[in-house]
Amino acid sequence: MSKIKCLVEECKYNNNCNCDANGIEVRSCGCKAVSCPDETACETFEHR
C-alpha cells in the first residue's frame, strides 16, 4: 500500500505521521465542486 501522510495527531491511525488504516475514504464537505483541501474530509478518522 502507498504511504499516506497523516498530520491529525488525534487520529488512532496516525503512526509517526503515516496513516496505518487498511484503507481510507475521503469525501467532499458538501461543496458541489471541490477546489482546495479544506473542502475535503477523511471519513476514516477515529479518535484515539
C-alpha atoms as a PDB file:
ATOM      1  CA  MET A   1       0.000   0.000   0.000  1.00  0.00           C
ATOM      2  CA  SER A   2       1.142   3.555  -0.665  1.00  0.00           C
ATOM      3  CA  LYS A   3       2.276   5.636   2.273  1.00  0.00           C
ATOM      4  CA  ILE A   4      -0.330   8.232   3.158  1.00  0.00           C
ATOM      5  CA  LYS A   5       0.801  11.199   5.209  1.00  0.00           C
ATOM      6  CA  CYS A   6      -1.403  11.988   8.221  1.00  0.00           C
ATOM      7  CA  LEU A   7      -0.984  15.130  10.314  1.00  0.00           C
ATOM      8  CA  VAL A   8      -4.010  14.592  12.572  1.00  0.00           C
ATOM      9  CA  GLU A   9      -2.450  13.792  15.950  1.00  0.00           C
ATOM     10  CA  GLU A  10      -5.812  12.759  17.440  1.00  0.00           C
ATOM     11  CA  CYS A  11      -6.452  10.006  14.868  1.00  0.00           C
ATOM     12  CA  LYS A  12      -5.857   6.446  16.051  1.00  0.00           C
ATOM     13  CA  TYR A  13      -4.448   5.527  12.614  1.00  0.00           C
ATOM     14  CA  ASN A  14      -1.710   8.179  12.765  1.00  0.00           C
ATOM     15  CA  ASN A  15       1.627   6.409  13.302  1.00  0.00           C
ATOM     16  CA  ASN A  16       4.539   8.860  13.154  1.00  0.00           C
ATOM     17  CA  CYS A  17       2.688  10.993  10.569  1.00  0.00           C
ATOM     18  CA  ASN A  18       1.750   7.981   8.414  1.00  0.00           C
ATOM     19  CA  CYS A  19      -1.760   6.548   8.106  1.00  0.00           C
ATOM     20  CA  ASP A  20      -1.897   2.906   9.290  1.00  0.00           C
ATOM     21  CA  ALA A  21      -5.528   2.304   8.246  1.00  0.00           C
ATOM     22  CA  ASN A  22      -6.155  -0.626   5.870  1.00  0.00           C
ATOM     23  CA  GLY A  23      -7.995   1.771   3.572  1.00  0.00           C
ATOM     24  CA  ILE A  24      -9.187   5.355   3.607  1.00  0.00           C
ATOM     25  CA  GLU A  25     -12.293   7.167   2.450  1.00  0.00           C
ATOM     26  CA  VAL A  26     -12.131  10.846   1.552  1.00  0.00           C
ATOM     27  CA  ARG A  27     -15.226  12.872   0.716  1.00  0.00           C
ATOM     28  CA  SER A  28     -16.174  16.448  -0.039  1.00  0.00           C
ATOM     29  CA  CYS A  29     -17.525  18.612   2.756  1.00  0.00           C
ATOM     30  CA  GLY A  30     -20.763  19.282   0.908  1.00  0.00           C
ATOM     31  CA  CYS A  31     -19.349  21.512  -1.819  1.00  0.00           C
ATOM     32  CA  LYS A  32     -20.577  20.839  -5.336  1.00  0.00           C
ATOM     33  CA  ALA A  33     -17.099  21.430  -6.769  1.00  0.00           C
ATOM     34  CA  VAL A  34     -14.107  20.919  -4.508  1.00  0.00           C
ATOM     35  CA  SER A  35     -11.316  23.388  -5.194  1.00  0.00           C
ATOM     36  CA  CYS A  36      -8.991  23.069  -2.179  1.00  0.00           C
ATOM     37  CA  PRO A  37      -8.038  20.558   0.566  1.00  0.00           C
ATOM     38  CA  ASP A  38     -10.115  22.421   3.174  1.00  0.00           C
ATOM     39  CA  GLU A  39     -13.237  21.291   1.293  1.00  0.00           C
ATOM     40  CA  THR A  40     -12.465  17.579   1.870  1.00  0.00           C
ATOM     41  CA  ALA A  41     -12.670  15.279   4.900  1.00  0.00           C
ATOM     42  CA  CYS A  42     -11.196  11.910   5.854  1.00  0.00           C
ATOM     43  CA  GLU A  43     -14.095   9.620   6.771  1.00  0.00           C
ATOM     44  CA  THR A  44     -11.650   7.003   8.124  1.00  0.00           C
ATOM     45  CA  PHE A  45     -10.724   9.221  11.100  1.00  0.00           C
ATOM     46  CA  GLU A  46     -11.245   7.646  14.536  1.00  0.00           C
ATOM     47  CA  HIS A  47     -10.357   9.460  17.738  1.00  0.00           C
ATOM     48  CA  ARG A  48      -7.623   7.859  19.849  1.00  0.00           C
END
